[in-house]
Amino acid sequence: MHKYMDQIQEQVLSLEEKIDAIYVSVEKTRKYFMWTLIITVVMVVLPIIGLMLVLPSFIQGMTSGMMI
């Protein structure tokens, strides 16, 4: 009976180590996706918002110059 308890305990310890390794891997993946999202927002969304703000005044300046 004691032999089986030792085997079970070894298996539980092995599983705990594997779960800890999986947790570390998942956290790294989560951080990777978070930084990918942040970089995507900075490189794509912010320039689009900037264009939406600047483009109307640019077009107005171009058209007012043509009417003179």
Protein backbone atom coordinates (compact mmCIF):
# COMPACT_ATOMS: atom_id res chain seq x y z
CA MET A 1 0.00 0.00 0.00
CA HIS A 2 2.85 2.37 0.85
CA LYS A 3 4.44 1.67 -2.54
CA TYR A 4 1.30 2.82 -4.39
CA MET A 5 1.07 5.98 -2.31
CA ASP A 6 4.66 6.86 -3.25
CA GLN A 7 3.89 6.33 -6.93
CA ILE A 8 0.79 8.49 -6.71
CA GLN A 9 2.72 11.20 -4.91
CA GLU A 10 5.43 11.13 -7.59
CA GLN A 11 2.81 11.40 -10.31
CA VAL A 12 1.15 14.33 -8.54
CA LEU A 13 4.49 16.13 -8.23
CA SER A 14 5.20 15.47 -11.90
CA LEU A 15 1.80 16.87 -12.86
CA GLU A 16 2.36 19.95 -10.71
CA GLU A 17 5.66 20.64 -12.49
CA LYS A 18 4.00 20.27 -15.87
CA ILE A 19 1.14 22.57 -14.86
CA ASP A 20 3.63 25.18 -13.66
CA ALA A 21 5.47 24.98 -17.00
CA ILE A 22 2.18 25.36 -18.89
CA TYR A 23 1.27 28.38 -16.76
CA VAL A 24 4.58 30.07 -17.57
CA SER A 25 4.07 29.38 -21.27
CA VAL A 26 0.51 30.73 -21.22
CA GLU A 27 1.63 33.91 -19.47
CA LYS A 28 4.33 34.49 -22.08
CA THR A 29 1.78 33.96 -24.85
CA ARG A 30 -0.67 36.34 -23.17
CA LYS A 31 1.97 39.06 -22.93
CA TYR A 32 2.93 38.48 -26.58
CA PHE A 33 -0.68 38.94 -27.71
CA MET A 34 -1.09 42.02 -25.51
CA TRP A 35 1.96 43.72 -27.04
CA THR A 36 0.83 42.70 -30.53
CA LEU A 37 -2.50 44.41 -29.88
CA ILE A 38 -0.85 47.55 -28.52
CA ILE A 39 1.53 47.79 -31.49
CA THR A 40 -1.35 47.21 -33.92
CA VAL A 41 -3.36 50.02 -32.35
CA VAL A 42 -0.39 52.39 -32.43
CA MET A 43 0.60 51.56 -36.02
CA VAL A 44 -2.87 51.30 -37.62
CA VAL A 45 -5.68 52.83 -35.58
CA LEU A 46 -3.97 56.02 -34.40
CA PRO A 47 -2.84 57.05 -37.92
CA ILE A 48 -6.38 56.48 -39.22
CA ILE A 49 -7.78 58.70 -36.46
CA GLY A 50 -5.12 61.30 -37.25
CA LEU A 51 -6.05 61.26 -40.92
CA MET A 52 -9.71 61.70 -40.03
CA LEU A 53 -8.78 64.84 -38.10
CA VAL A 54 -6.23 66.34 -40.53
CA LEU A 55 -7.69 65.39 -43.91
CA PRO A 56 -10.77 67.70 -43.79
CA SER A 57 -8.64 70.78 -43.09
CA PHE A 58 -6.18 69.75 -45.81
CA ILE A 59 -8.99 69.32 -48.35
CA GLN A 60 -10.51 72.65 -47.29
CA GLY A 61 -7.17 74.39 -47.77
CA MET A 62 -6.70 72.83 -51.20
CA THR A 63 -10.19 73.72 -52.42
CA SER A 64 -10.05 77.30 -51.07
CA GLY A 65 -6.79 77.82 -52.93
CA MET A 66 -8.34 76.70 -56.20
CA MET A 67 -11.26 79.11 -55.99
CA ILE A 68 -9.15 82.25 -55.90
